[in-house]
PDB file of N, CA and C in Angstrom:
ATOM      1  N   UNK A   1     -53.943   7.179  37.009  1.00  0.00           N
ATOM      2  CA  UNK A   1     -52.563   7.153  36.617  1.00  0.00           C
ATOM      3  C   UNK A   1     -52.220   8.416  35.843  1.00  0.00           C
ATOM      4  N   UNK A   2     -51.013   8.899  36.087  1.00  0.00           N
ATOM      5  CA  UNK A   2     -50.593  10.095  35.350  1.00  0.00           C
ATOM      6  C   UNK A   2     -49.677   9.693  34.208  1.00  0.00           C
ATOM      7  N   UNK A   3     -49.793  10.468  33.177  1.00  0.00           N
ATOM      8  CA  UNK A   3     -48.924  10.196  32.030  1.00  0.00           C
ATOM      9  C   UNK A   3     -47.580  10.871  32.256  1.00  0.00           C
ATOM     10  N   UNK A   4     -46.552  10.153  31.918  1.00  0.00           N
ATOM     11  CA  UNK A   4     -45.227  10.766  32.039  1.00  0.00           C
ATOM     12  C   UNK A   4     -44.960  11.623  30.804  1.00  0.00           C
ATOM     13  N   UNK A   5     -44.263  12.699  31.014  1.00  0.00           N
ATOM     14  CA  UNK A   5     -43.957  13.605  29.906  1.00  0.00           C
ATOM     15  C   UNK A   5     -42.894  12.965  29.031  1.00  0.00           C
ATOM     16  N   UNK A   6     -43.186  12.955  27.770  1.00  0.00           N
ATOM     17  CA  UNK A   6     -42.226  12.384  26.821  1.00  0.00           C
ATOM     18  C   UNK A   6     -41.313  13.487  26.331  1.00  0.00           C
ATOM     19  N   UNK A   7     -40.044  13.193  26.357  1.00  0.00           N
ATOM     20  CA  UNK A   7     -39.081  14.148  25.827  1.00  0.00           C
ATOM     21  C   UNK A   7     -38.852  13.809  24.364  1.00  0.00           C
ATOM     22  N   UNK A   8     -38.935  14.829  23.552  1.00  0.00           N
ATOM     23  CA  UNK A   8     -38.668  14.595  22.145  1.00  0.00           C
ATOM     24  C   UNK A   8     -37.202  14.898  21.873  1.00  0.00           C
ATOM     25  N   UNK A   9     -36.597  14.003  21.157  1.00  0.00           N
ATOM     26  CA  UNK A   9     -35.195  14.191  20.805  1.00  0.00           C
ATOM     27  C   UNK A   9     -35.055  14.467  19.318  1.00  0.00           C
ATOM     28  N   UNK A  10     -36.117  14.950  18.709  1.00  0.00           N
ATOM     29  CA  UNK A  10     -36.067  15.241  17.278  1.00  0.00           C
ATOM     30  C   UNK A  10     -35.153  16.424  17.033  1.00  0.00           C
ATOM     31  N   UNK A  11     -34.373  16.299  15.990  1.00  0.00           N
ATOM     32  CA  UNK A  11     -33.468  17.386  15.632  1.00  0.00           C
ATOM     33  C   UNK A  11     -34.247  18.437  14.855  1.00  0.00           C
ATOM     34  N   UNK A  12     -33.928  19.690  15.072  1.00  0.00           N
ATOM     35  CA  UNK A  12     -34.619  20.731  14.308  1.00  0.00           C
ATOM     36  C   UNK A  12     -34.243  20.635  12.831  1.00  0.00           C
ATOM     37  N   UNK A  13     -35.142  21.105  12.005  1.00  0.00           N
ATOM     38  CA  UNK A  13     -34.899  21.069  10.567  1.00  0.00           C
ATOM     39  C   UNK A  13     -33.903  22.163  10.216  1.00  0.00           C
ATOM     40  N   UNK A  14     -32.636  21.806  10.166  1.00  0.00           N
ATOM     41  CA  UNK A  14     -31.598  22.809   9.941  1.00  0.00           C
ATOM     42  C   UNK A  14     -31.612  23.330   8.511  1.00  0.00           C
ATOM     43  N   UNK A  15     -32.049  22.524   7.566  1.00  0.00           N
ATOM     44  CA  UNK A  15     -32.088  22.995   6.183  1.00  0.00           C
ATOM     45  C   UNK A  15     -33.112  24.112   6.024  1.00  0.00           C
ATOM     46  N   UNK A  16     -34.259  23.970   6.665  1.00  0.00           N
ATOM     47  CA  UNK A  16     -35.283  25.011   6.582  1.00  0.00           C
ATOM     48  C   UNK A  16     -34.795  26.275   7.279  1.00  0.00           C
ATOM     49  N   UNK A  17     -34.133  26.111   8.405  1.00  0.00           N
ATOM     50  CA  UNK A  17     -33.596  27.260   9.127  1.00  0.00           C
ATOM     51  C   UNK A  17     -32.521  27.964   8.299  1.00  0.00           C
ATOM     52  N   UNK A  18     -31.663  27.190   7.686  1.00  0.00           N
ATOM     53  CA  UNK A  18     -30.616  27.760   6.838  1.00  0.00           C
ATOM     54  C   UNK A  18     -31.215  28.514   5.668  1.00  0.00           C
ATOM     55  N   UNK A  19     -32.209  27.932   5.029  1.00  0.00           N
ATOM     56  CA  UNK A  19     -32.863  28.585   3.891  1.00  0.00           C
ATOM     57  C   UNK A  19     -33.536  29.884   4.325  1.00  0.00           C
ATOM     58  N   UNK A  20     -34.163  29.874   5.491  1.00  0.00           N
ATOM     59  CA  UNK A  20     -34.826  31.082   5.986  1.00  0.00           C
ATOM     60  C   UNK A  20     -33.811  32.172   6.287  1.00  0.00           C
ATOM     61  N   UNK A  21     -32.691  31.808   6.871  1.00  0.00           N
ATOM     62  CA  UNK A  21     -31.653  32.795   7.163  1.00  0.00           C
ATOM     63  C   UNK A  21     -31.062  33.363   5.884  1.00  0.00           C
ATOM     64  N   UNK A  22     -30.844  32.497   4.904  1.00  0.00           N
ATOM     65  CA  UNK A  22     -30.226  32.942   3.649  1.00  0.00           C
ATOM     66  C   UNK A  22     -31.152  33.859   2.872  1.00  0.00           C
ATOM     67  N   UNK A  23     -32.457  33.631   2.959  1.00  0.00           N
ATOM     68  CA  UNK A  23     -33.393  34.479   2.241  1.00  0.00           C
ATOM     69  C   UNK A  23     -33.403  35.875   2.815  1.00  0.00           C
ATOM     70  N   UNK A  24     -33.341  35.964   4.106  1.00  0.00           N
ATOM     71  CA  UNK A  24     -33.396  37.267   4.753  1.00  0.00           C
ATOM     72  C   UNK A  24     -32.092  38.035   4.692  1.00  0.00           C
ATOM     73  N   UNK A  25     -30.984  37.335   4.586  1.00  0.00           N
ATOM     74  CA  UNK A  25     -29.694  38.015   4.634  1.00  0.00           C
ATOM     75  C   UNK A  25     -28.707  37.304   3.717  1.00  0.00           C
ATOM     76  N   UNK A  26     -28.352  37.917   2.593  1.00  0.00           N
ATOM     77  CA  UNK A  26     -27.400  37.275   1.679  1.00  0.00           C
ATOM     78  C   UNK A  26     -26.028  37.047   2.319  1.00  0.00           C
ATOM     79  N   UNK A  27     -25.630  37.896   3.245  1.00  0.00           N
ATOM     80  CA  UNK A  27     -24.343  37.710   3.918  1.00  0.00           C
ATOM     81  C   UNK A  27     -24.352  36.427   4.743  1.00  0.00           C
ATOM     82  N   UNK A  28     -25.513  36.081   5.296  1.00  0.00           N
ATOM     83  CA  UNK A  28     -25.621  34.840   6.063  1.00  0.00           C
ATOM     84  C   UNK A  28     -25.385  33.645   5.159  1.00  0.00           C
ATOM     85  N   UNK A  29     -25.885  33.709   3.934  1.00  0.00           N
ATOM     86  CA  UNK A  29     -25.673  32.617   2.979  1.00  0.00           C
ATOM     87  C   UNK A  29     -24.182  32.460   2.683  1.00  0.00           C
ATOM     88  N   UNK A  30     -23.493  33.592   2.508  1.00  0.00           N
ATOM     89  CA  UNK A  30     -22.061  33.523   2.233  1.00  0.00           C
ATOM     90  C   UNK A  30     -21.321  32.867   3.394  1.00  0.00           C
ATOM     91  N   UNK A  31     -21.641  33.265   4.626  1.00  0.00           N
ATOM     92  CA  UNK A  31     -20.966  32.686   5.779  1.00  0.00           C
ATOM     93  C   UNK A  31     -21.275  31.208   5.933  1.00  0.00           C
ATOM     94  N   UNK A  32     -22.509  30.827   5.646  1.00  0.00           N
ATOM     95  CA  UNK A  32     -22.862  29.405   5.712  1.00  0.00           C
ATOM     96  C   UNK A  32     -22.093  28.610   4.667  1.00  0.00           C
ATOM     97  N   UNK A  33     -21.971  29.161   3.464  1.00  0.00           N
ATOM     98  CA  UNK A  33     -21.204  28.482   2.412  1.00  0.00           C
ATOM     99  C   UNK A  33     -19.732  28.361   2.798  1.00  0.00           C
ATOM    100  N   UNK A  34     -19.186  29.429   3.367  1.00  0.00           N
ATOM    101  CA  UNK A  34     -17.781  29.412   3.776  1.00  0.00           C
ATOM    102  C   UNK A  34     -17.563  28.386   4.887  1.00  0.00           C
ATOM    103  N   UNK A  35     -18.460  28.354   5.860  1.00  0.00           N
ATOM    104  CA  UNK A  35     -18.306  27.401   6.957  1.00  0.00           C
ATOM    105  C   UNK A  35     -18.460  25.954   6.482  1.00  0.00           C
ATOM    106  N   UNK A  36     -19.399  25.738   5.572  1.00  0.00           N
ATOM    107  CA  UNK A  36     -19.591  24.394   5.026  1.00  0.00           C
ATOM    108  C   UNK A  36     -18.355  23.937   4.276  1.00  0.00           C
ATOM    109  N   UNK A  37     -17.832  24.811   3.438  1.00  0.00           N
ATOM    110  CA  UNK A  37     -16.641  24.476   2.656  1.00  0.00           C
ATOM    111  C   UNK A  37     -15.430  24.277   3.558  1.00  0.00           C
ATOM    112  N   UNK A  38     -15.284  25.115   4.563  1.00  0.00           N
ATOM    113  CA  UNK A  38     -14.160  24.985   5.493  1.00  0.00           C
ATOM    114  C   UNK A  38     -14.221  23.656   6.241  1.00  0.00           C
ATOM    115  N   UNK A  39     -15.399  23.300   6.685  1.00  0.00           N
ATOM    116  CA  UNK A  39     -15.575  22.039   7.407  1.00  0.00           C
ATOM    117  C   UNK A  39     -15.247  20.850   6.514  1.00  0.00           C
ATOM    118  N   UNK A  40     -15.714  20.906   5.270  1.00  0.00           N
ATOM    119  CA  UNK A  40     -15.416  19.829   4.324  1.00  0.00           C
ATOM    120  C   UNK A  40     -13.920  19.706   4.101  1.00  0.00           C
ATOM    121  N   UNK A  41     -13.254  20.836   3.906  1.00  0.00           N
ATOM    122  CA  UNK A  41     -11.821  20.817   3.625  1.00  0.00           C
ATOM    123  C   UNK A  41     -11.023  20.295   4.816  1.00  0.00           C
ATOM    124  N   UNK A  42     -11.334  20.764   6.001  1.00  0.00           N
ATOM    125  CA  UNK A  42     -10.600  20.321   7.191  1.00  0.00           C
ATOM    126  C   UNK A  42     -10.795  18.818   7.400  1.00  0.00           C
ATOM    127  N   UNK A  43     -11.995  18.328   7.187  1.00  0.00           N
ATOM    128  CA  UNK A  43     -12.248  16.887   7.334  1.00  0.00           C
ATOM    129  C   UNK A  43     -11.413  16.090   6.341  1.00  0.00           C
ATOM    130  N   UNK A  44     -11.379  16.567   5.114  1.00  0.00           N
ATOM    131  CA  UNK A  44     -10.609  15.884   4.072  1.00  0.00           C
ATOM    132  C   UNK A  44      -9.116  15.903   4.398  1.00  0.00           C
ATOM    133  N   UNK A  45      -8.607  17.049   4.849  1.00  0.00           N
ATOM    134  CA  UNK A  45      -7.178  17.156   5.171  1.00  0.00           C
ATOM    135  C   UNK A  45      -6.821  16.261   6.361  1.00  0.00           C
ATOM    136  N   UNK A  46      -7.679  16.222   7.371  1.00  0.00           N
ATOM    137  CA  UNK A  46      -7.398  15.350   8.519  1.00  0.00           C
ATOM    138  C   UNK A  46      -7.368  13.880   8.102  1.00  0.00           C
ATOM    139  N   UNK A  47      -8.259  13.517   7.203  1.00  0.00           N
ATOM    140  CA  UNK A  47      -8.263  12.141   6.702  1.00  0.00           C
ATOM    141  C   UNK A  47      -6.964  11.844   5.952  1.00  0.00           C
ATOM    142  N   UNK A  48      -6.523  12.788   5.126  1.00  0.00           N
ATOM    143  CA  UNK A  48      -5.254  12.604   4.406  1.00  0.00           C
ATOM    144  C   UNK A  48      -4.080  12.511   5.375  1.00  0.00           C
ATOM    145  N   UNK A  49      -4.086  13.324   6.412  1.00  0.00           N
ATOM    146  CA  UNK A  49      -3.016  13.286   7.402  1.00  0.00           C
ATOM    147  C   UNK A  49      -2.957  11.932   8.102  1.00  0.00           C
ATOM    148  N   UNK A  50      -4.118  11.416   8.465  1.00  0.00           N
ATOM    149  CA  UNK A  50      -4.167  10.098   9.113  1.00  0.00           C
ATOM    150  C   UNK A  50      -3.645   9.004   8.195  1.00  0.00           C
ATOM    151  N   UNK A  51      -4.073   9.035   6.944  1.00  0.00           N
ATOM    152  CA  UNK A  51      -3.615   8.024   5.983  1.00  0.00           C
ATOM    153  C   UNK A  51      -2.108   8.113   5.781  1.00  0.00           C
ATOM    154  N   UNK A  52      -1.574   9.322   5.759  1.00  0.00           N
ATOM    155  CA  UNK A  52      -0.131   9.499   5.586  1.00  0.00           C
ATOM    156  C   UNK A  52       0.624   8.984   6.805  1.00  0.00           C
ATOM    157  N   UNK A  53       0.108   9.251   7.989  1.00  0.00           N
ATOM    158  CA  UNK A  53       0.766   8.742   9.191  1.00  0.00           C
ATOM    159  C   UNK A  53       0.794   7.217   9.201  1.00  0.00           C
ATOM    160  N   UNK A  54      -0.301   6.613   8.785  1.00  0.00           N
ATOM    161  CA  UNK A  54      -0.338   5.149   8.723  1.00  0.00           C
ATOM    162  C   UNK A  54       0.670   4.629   7.697  1.00  0.00           C
ATOM    163  N   UNK A  55       0.755   5.306   6.561  1.00  0.00           N
ATOM    164  CA  UNK A  55       1.710   4.889   5.534  1.00  0.00           C
ATOM    165  C   UNK A  55       3.151   5.078   6.020  1.00  0.00           C
ATOM    166  N   UNK A  56       3.394   6.131   6.808  1.00  0.00           N
ATOM    167  CA  UNK A  56       4.741   6.358   7.350  1.00  0.00           C
ATOM    168  C   UNK A  56       5.157   5.204   8.266  1.00  0.00           C
ATOM    169  N   UNK A  57       4.219   4.709   9.028  1.00  0.00           N
ATOM    170  CA  UNK A  57       4.523   3.600   9.932  1.00  0.00           C
ATOM    171  C   UNK A  57       4.848   2.316   9.173  1.00  0.00           C
ATOM    172  N   UNK A  58       4.366   2.217   7.940  1.00  0.00           N
ATOM    173  CA  UNK A  58       4.624   1.024   7.137  1.00  0.00           C
ATOM    174  C   UNK A  58       5.906   1.140   6.306  1.00  0.00           C
ATOM    175  N   UNK A  59       6.551   2.307   6.304  1.00  0.00           N
ATOM    176  CA  UNK A  59       7.770   2.489   5.503  1.00  0.00           C
ATOM    177  C   UNK A  59       8.877   1.553   6.001  1.00  0.00           C
ATOM    178  N   UNK A  60       9.605   0.962   5.046  1.00  0.00           N
ATOM    179  CA  UNK A  60      10.678   0.021   5.377  1.00  0.00           C
ATOM    180  C   UNK A  60      12.049   0.678   5.333  1.00  0.00           C
ATOM    181  N   UNK A  61      12.208   1.708   4.496  1.00  0.00           N
ATOM    182  CA  UNK A  61      13.512   2.346   4.341  1.00  0.00           C
ATOM    183  C   UNK A  61      13.361   3.863   4.450  1.00  0.00           C
ATOM    184  N   UNK A  62      14.448   4.558   4.765  1.00  0.00           N
ATOM    185  CA  UNK A  62      14.396   6.025   4.790  1.00  0.00           C
ATOM    186  C   UNK A  62      14.014   6.619   3.422  1.00  0.00           C
ATOM    187  N   UNK A  63      14.412   5.971   2.360  1.00  0.00           N
ATOM    188  CA  UNK A  63      14.067   6.459   1.012  1.00  0.00           C
ATOM    189  C   UNK A  63      12.559   6.410   0.792  1.00  0.00           C
ATOM    190  N   UNK A  64      11.916   5.354   1.293  1.00  0.00           N
ATOM    191  CA  UNK A  64      10.456   5.267   1.195  1.00  0.00           C
ATOM    192  C   UNK A  64       9.795   6.401   1.966  1.00  0.00           C
ATOM    193  N   UNK A  65      10.337   6.706   3.132  1.00  0.00           N
ATOM    194  CA  UNK A  65       9.787   7.775   3.964  1.00  0.00           C
ATOM    195  C   UNK A  65       9.930   9.129   3.278  1.00  0.00           C
ATOM    196  N   UNK A  66      11.093   9.392   2.694  1.00  0.00           N
ATOM    197  CA  UNK A  66      11.314  10.658   1.993  1.00  0.00           C
ATOM    198  C   UNK A  66      10.359  10.770   0.805  1.00  0.00           C
ATOM    199  N   UNK A  67      10.189   9.698   0.071  1.00  0.00           N
ATOM    200  CA  UNK A  67       9.276   9.690  -1.079  1.00  0.00           C
ATOM    201  C   UNK A  67       7.843   9.973  -0.625  1.00  0.00           C
ATOM    202  N   UNK A  68       7.430   9.340   0.446  1.00  0.00           N
ATOM    203  CA  UNK A  68       6.084   9.532   0.980  1.00  0.00           C
ATOM    204  C   UNK A  68       5.877  10.969   1.458  1.00  0.00           C
ATOM    205  N   UNK A  69       6.862  11.507   2.171  1.00  0.00           N
ATOM    206  CA  UNK A  69       6.743  12.885   2.648  1.00  0.00           C
ATOM    207  C   UNK A  69       6.709  13.870   1.484  1.00  0.00           C
ATOM    208  N   UNK A  70       7.501  13.619   0.483  1.00  0.00           N
ATOM    209  CA  UNK A  70       7.521  14.497  -0.688  1.00  0.00           C
ATOM    210  C   UNK A  70       6.155  14.515  -1.373  1.00  0.00           C
ATOM    211  N   UNK A  71       5.585  13.356  -1.552  1.00  0.00           N
ATOM    212  CA  UNK A  71       4.255  13.258  -2.176  1.00  0.00           C
ATOM    213  C   UNK A  71       3.193  13.918  -1.289  1.00  0.00           C
ATOM    214  N   UNK A  72       3.305  13.729   0.016  1.00  0.00           N
ATOM    215  CA  UNK A  72       2.350  14.327   0.952  1.00  0.00           C
ATOM    216  C   UNK A  72       2.372  15.852   0.855  1.00  0.00           C
ATOM    217  N   UNK A  73       3.567  16.438   0.872  1.00  0.00           N
ATOM    218  CA  UNK A  73       3.664  17.899   0.809  1.00  0.00           C
ATOM    219  C   UNK A  73       3.206  18.435  -0.544  1.00  0.00           C
ATOM    220  N   UNK A  74       3.542  17.746  -1.619  1.00  0.00           N
ATOM    221  CA  UNK A  74       3.094  18.177  -2.936  1.00  0.00           C
ATOM    222  C   UNK A  74       1.570  18.179  -3.017  1.00  0.00           C
ATOM    223  N   UNK A  75       0.963  17.116  -2.527  1.00  0.00           N
ATOM    224  CA  UNK A  75      -0.494  17.004  -2.558  1.00  0.00           C
ATOM    225  C   UNK A  75      -1.154  18.030  -1.625  1.00  0.00           C
ATOM    226  N   UNK A  76      -0.548  18.269  -0.463  1.00  0.00           N
ATOM    227  CA  UNK A  76      -1.107  19.251   0.478  1.00  0.00           C
ATOM    228  C   UNK A  76      -1.083  20.652  -0.120  1.00  0.00           C
ATOM    229  N   UNK A  77       0.023  21.029  -0.753  1.00  0.00           N
ATOM    230  CA  UNK A  77       0.101  22.350  -1.373  1.00  0.00           C
ATOM    231  C   UNK A  77      -0.945  22.477  -2.478  1.00  0.00           C
ATOM    232  N   UNK A  78      -1.113  21.444  -3.255  1.00  0.00           N
ATOM    233  CA  UNK A  78      -2.117  21.453  -4.320  1.00  0.00           C
ATOM    234  C   UNK A  78      -3.526  21.601  -3.737  1.00  0.00           C
ATOM    235  N   UNK A  79      -3.826  20.877  -2.665  1.00  0.00           N
ATOM    236  CA  UNK A  79      -5.146  20.952  -2.048  1.00  0.00           C
ATOM    237  C   UNK A  79      -5.399  22.318  -1.411  1.00  0.00           C
ATOM    238  N   UNK A  80      -4.398  22.874  -0.744  1.00  0.00           N
ATOM    239  CA  UNK A  80      -4.571  24.199  -0.143  1.00  0.00           C
ATOM    240  C   UNK A  80      -4.760  25.265  -1.219  1.00  0.00           C
ATOM    241  N   UNK A  81      -4.057  25.128  -2.328  1.00  0.00           N
ATOM    242  CA  UNK A  81      -4.205  26.088  -3.424  1.00  0.00           C
ATOM    243  C   UNK A  81      -5.601  26.026  -4.021  1.00  0.00           C
ATOM    244  N   UNK A  82      -6.097  24.844  -4.274  1.00  0.00           N
ATOM    245  CA  UNK A  82      -7.444  24.721  -4.847  1.00  0.00           C
ATOM    246  C   UNK A  82      -8.510  25.152  -3.845  1.00  0.00           C
ATOM    247  N   UNK A  83      -8.271  24.935  -2.561  1.00  0.00           N
ATOM    248  CA  UNK A  83      -9.232  25.382  -1.535  1.00  0.00           C
ATOM    249  C   UNK A  83      -9.271  26.901  -1.471  1.00  0.00           C
ATOM    250  N   UNK A  84      -8.112  27.538  -1.566  1.00  0.00           N
ATOM    251  CA  UNK A  84      -8.082  29.003  -1.577  1.00  0.00           C
ATOM    252  C   UNK A  84      -8.849  29.541  -2.779  1.00  0.00           C
ATOM    253  N   UNK A  85      -8.732  28.867  -3.927  1.00  0.00           N
ATOM    254  CA  UNK A  85      -9.474  29.294  -5.116  1.00  0.00           C
ATOM    255  C   UNK A  85     -10.979  29.113  -4.907  1.00  0.00           C
ATOM    256  N   UNK A  86     -11.380  28.003  -4.287  1.00  0.00           N
ATOM    257  CA  UNK A  86     -12.808  27.783  -4.012  1.00  0.00           C
ATOM    258  C   UNK A  86     -13.354  28.857  -3.080  1.00  0.00           C
ATOM    259  N   UNK A  87     -12.594  29.192  -2.040  1.00  0.00           N
ATOM    260  CA  UNK A  87     -13.033  30.239  -1.111  1.00  0.00           C
ATOM    261  C   UNK A  87     -13.141  31.584  -1.828  1.00  0.00           C
ATOM    262  N   UNK A  88     -12.174  31.863  -2.683  1.00  0.00           N
ATOM    263  CA  UNK A  88     -12.213  33.103  -3.455  1.00  0.00           C
ATOM    264  C   UNK A  88     -13.459  33.140  -4.332  1.00  0.00           C
ATOM    265  N   UNK A  89     -13.785  32.012  -4.967  1.00  0.00           N
ATOM    266  CA  UNK A  89     -14.979  31.947  -5.817  1.00  0.00           C
ATOM    267  C   UNK A  89     -16.259  32.172  -5.014  1.00  0.00           C
ATOM    268  N   UNK A  90     -16.349  31.572  -3.835  1.00  0.00           N
ATOM    269  CA  UNK A  90     -17.531  31.748  -2.981  1.00  0.00           C
ATOM    270  C   UNK A  90     -17.680  33.214  -2.601  1.00  0.00           C
ATOM    271  N   UNK A  91     -16.579  33.834  -2.199  1.00  0.00           N
ATOM    272  CA  UNK A  91     -16.643  35.233  -1.780  1.00  0.00           C
ATOM    273  C   UNK A  91     -16.937  36.159  -2.958  1.00  0.00           C
ATOM    274  N   UNK A  92     -16.380  35.856  -4.119  1.00  0.00           N
ATOM    275  CA  UNK A  92     -16.634  36.677  -5.301  1.00  0.00           C
ATOM    276  C   UNK A  92     -18.096  36.592  -5.710  1.00  0.00           C
ATOM    277  N   UNK A  93     -18.642  35.387  -5.681  1.00  0.00           N
ATOM    278  CA  UNK A  93     -20.058  35.204  -6.032  1.00  0.00           C
ATOM    279  C   UNK A  93     -20.957  35.938  -5.046  1.00  0.00           C
ATOM    280  N   UNK A  94     -20.661  35.819  -3.764  1.00  0.00           N
ATOM    281  CA  UNK A  94     -21.480  36.489  -2.747  1.00  0.00           C
ATOM    282  C   UNK A  94     -21.385  37.998  -2.884  1.00  0.00           C
ATOM    283  N   UNK A  95     -20.206  38.497  -3.146  1.00  0.00           N
ATOM    284  CA  UNK A  95     -20.034  39.941  -3.318  1.00  0.00           C
ATOM    285  C   UNK A  95     -20.780  40.419  -4.553  1.00  0.00           C
ATOM    286  N   UNK A  96     -20.685  39.662  -5.633  1.00  0.00           N
ATOM    287  CA  UNK A  96     -21.406  40.020  -6.858  1.00  0.00           C
ATOM    288  C   UNK A  96     -22.904  40.047  -6.646  1.00  0.00           C
ATOM    289  N   UNK A  97     -23.425  39.076  -5.919  1.00  0.00           N
ATOM    290  CA  UNK A  97     -24.862  39.042  -5.634  1.00  0.00           C
ATOM    291  C   UNK A  97     -25.271  40.217  -4.755  1.00  0.00           C
ATOM    292  N   UNK A  98     -24.431  40.567  -3.787  1.00  0.00           N
ATOM    293  CA  UNK A  98     -24.744  41.685  -2.904  1.00  0.00           C
ATOM    294  C   UNK A  98     -24.755  42.986  -3.682  1.00  0.00           C
ATOM    295  N   UNK A  99     -23.770  43.176  -4.542  1.00  0.00           N
ATOM    296  CA  UNK A  99     -23.706  44.394  -5.345  1.00  0.00           C
ATOM    297  C   UNK A  99     -24.898  44.461  -6.296  1.00  0.00           C
ATOM    298  N   UNK A 100     -25.247  43.330  -6.881  1.00  0.00           N
ATOM    299  CA  UNK A 100     -26.391  43.273  -7.791  1.00  0.00           C
ATOM    300  C   UNK A 100     -27.677  43.652  -7.062  1.00  0.00           C
ATOM    301  N   UNK A 101     -27.814  43.216  -5.827  1.00  0.00           N
ATOM    302  CA  UNK A 101     -29.011  43.524  -5.043  1.00  0.00           C
ATOM    303  C   UNK A 101     -29.086  44.989  -4.638  1.00  0.00           C
ATOM    304  N   UNK A 102     -27.944  45.655  -4.546  1.00  0.00           N
ATOM    305  CA  UNK A 102     -27.958  47.048  -4.109  1.00  0.00           C
ATOM    306  C   UNK A 102     -28.223  48.029  -5.245  1.00  0.00           C
ATOM    307  N   UNK A 103     -28.107  47.581  -6.467  1.00  0.00           N
ATOM    308  CA  UNK A 103     -28.356  48.483  -7.595  1.00  0.00           C
ATOM    309  C   UNK A 103     -29.840  48.794  -7.690  1.00  0.00           C
ATOM    310  N   UNK A 104     -30.148  50.032  -8.031  1.00  0.00           N
ATOM    311  CA  UNK A 104     -31.548  50.419  -8.173  1.00  0.00           C
ATOM    312  C   UNK A 104     -32.066  49.957  -9.515  1.00  0.00           C
ATOM    313  N   UNK A 105     -33.359  49.758  -9.567  1.00  0.00           N
ATOM    314  CA  UNK A 105     -33.958  49.307 -10.816  1.00  0.00           C
ATOM    315  C   UNK A 105     -34.311  50.473 -11.720  1.00  0.00           C
ATOM    316  N   UNK A 106     -34.189  51.676 -11.207  1.00  0.00           N
ATOM    317  CA  UNK A 106     -34.512  52.852 -12.015  1.00  0.00           C
ATOM    318  C   UNK A 106     -33.229  53.496 -12.490  1.00  0.00           C
ATOM    319  N   UNK A 107     -32.795  53.075 -13.640  1.00  0.00           N
ATOM    320  CA  UNK A 107     -31.601  53.657 -14.217  1.00  0.00           C
ATOM    321  C   UNK A 107     -31.979  54.863 -15.047  1.00  0.00           C
ATOM    322  N   UNK A 108     -31.146  55.799 -15.043  1.00  0.00           N
ATOM    323  CA  UNK A 108     -31.355  56.961 -15.872  1.00  0.00           C
ATOM    324  C   UNK A 108     -30.544  56.778 -17.140  1.00  0.00           C
ATOM    325  N   UNK A 109     -31.206  56.956 -18.272  1.00  0.00           N
ATOM    326  CA  UNK A 109     -30.502  56.868 -19.533  1.00  0.00           C
ATOM    327  C   UNK A 109     -29.797  58.193 -19.817  1.00  0.00           C
ATOM    328  N   UNK A 110     -28.571  58.099 -20.243  1.00  0.00           N
ATOM    329  CA  UNK A 110     -27.833  59.325 -20.520  1.00  0.00           C
ATOM    330  C   UNK A 110     -28.077  59.848 -21.938  1.00  0.00           C
ATOM    331  N   UNK A 111     -28.988  59.198 -22.661  1.00  0.00           N
ATOM    332  CA  UNK A 111     -29.344  59.676 -23.998  1.00  0.00           C
ATOM    333  C   UNK A 111     -30.242  60.892 -23.930  1.00  0.00           C
ATOM    334  N   UNK A 112     -30.894  61.125 -22.800  1.00  0.00           N
ATOM    335  CA  UNK A 112     -31.864  62.209 -22.712  1.00  0.00           C
ATOM    336  C   UNK A 112     -31.259  63.554 -22.269  1.00  0.00           C
ATOM    337  N   UNK A 113     -29.950  63.612 -22.125  1.00  0.00           N
ATOM    338  CA  UNK A 113     -29.318  64.857 -21.712  1.00  0.00           C
ATOM    339  C   UNK A 113     -29.052  65.708 -22.948  1.00  0.00           C
ATOM    340  N   UNK A 114     -29.621  66.929 -22.983  1.00  0.00           N
ATOM    341  CA  UNK A 114     -29.367  67.769 -24.148  1.00  0.00           C
ATOM    342  C   UNK A 114     -27.916  68.253 -24.174  1.00  0.00           C
ATOM    343  N   UNK A 115     -27.396  68.341 -25.346  1.00  0.00           N
ATOM    344  CA  UNK A 115     -26.002  68.772 -25.494  1.00  0.00           C
ATOM    345  C   UNK A 115     -25.954  70.208 -25.946  1.00  0.00           C
TER     346      UNK A 115
END
């Protein structure tokens, strides 16, 4: 009897792969952080949109609908503003780390220059 080949459906260890990529290239870490944050934000916004649509269907009066839409837009602007700040922070941190890595460890002291 012959043995049948078993197919493995194991998922690759993405955390180890991500860590290896980030170690070799700091820019890769920044892009991974940006993509992770973007995915989280879009998921959250889509969930809020769905909840708002469901609430709109339950509105009994036009005044309720206007109130709901007003709250939705206020909350959306607040969320987009805080997300832009988070993205700015991620990019600032990555840029700072990149600049820090490019500096040489051999600094010249300017005290040794004769006047």
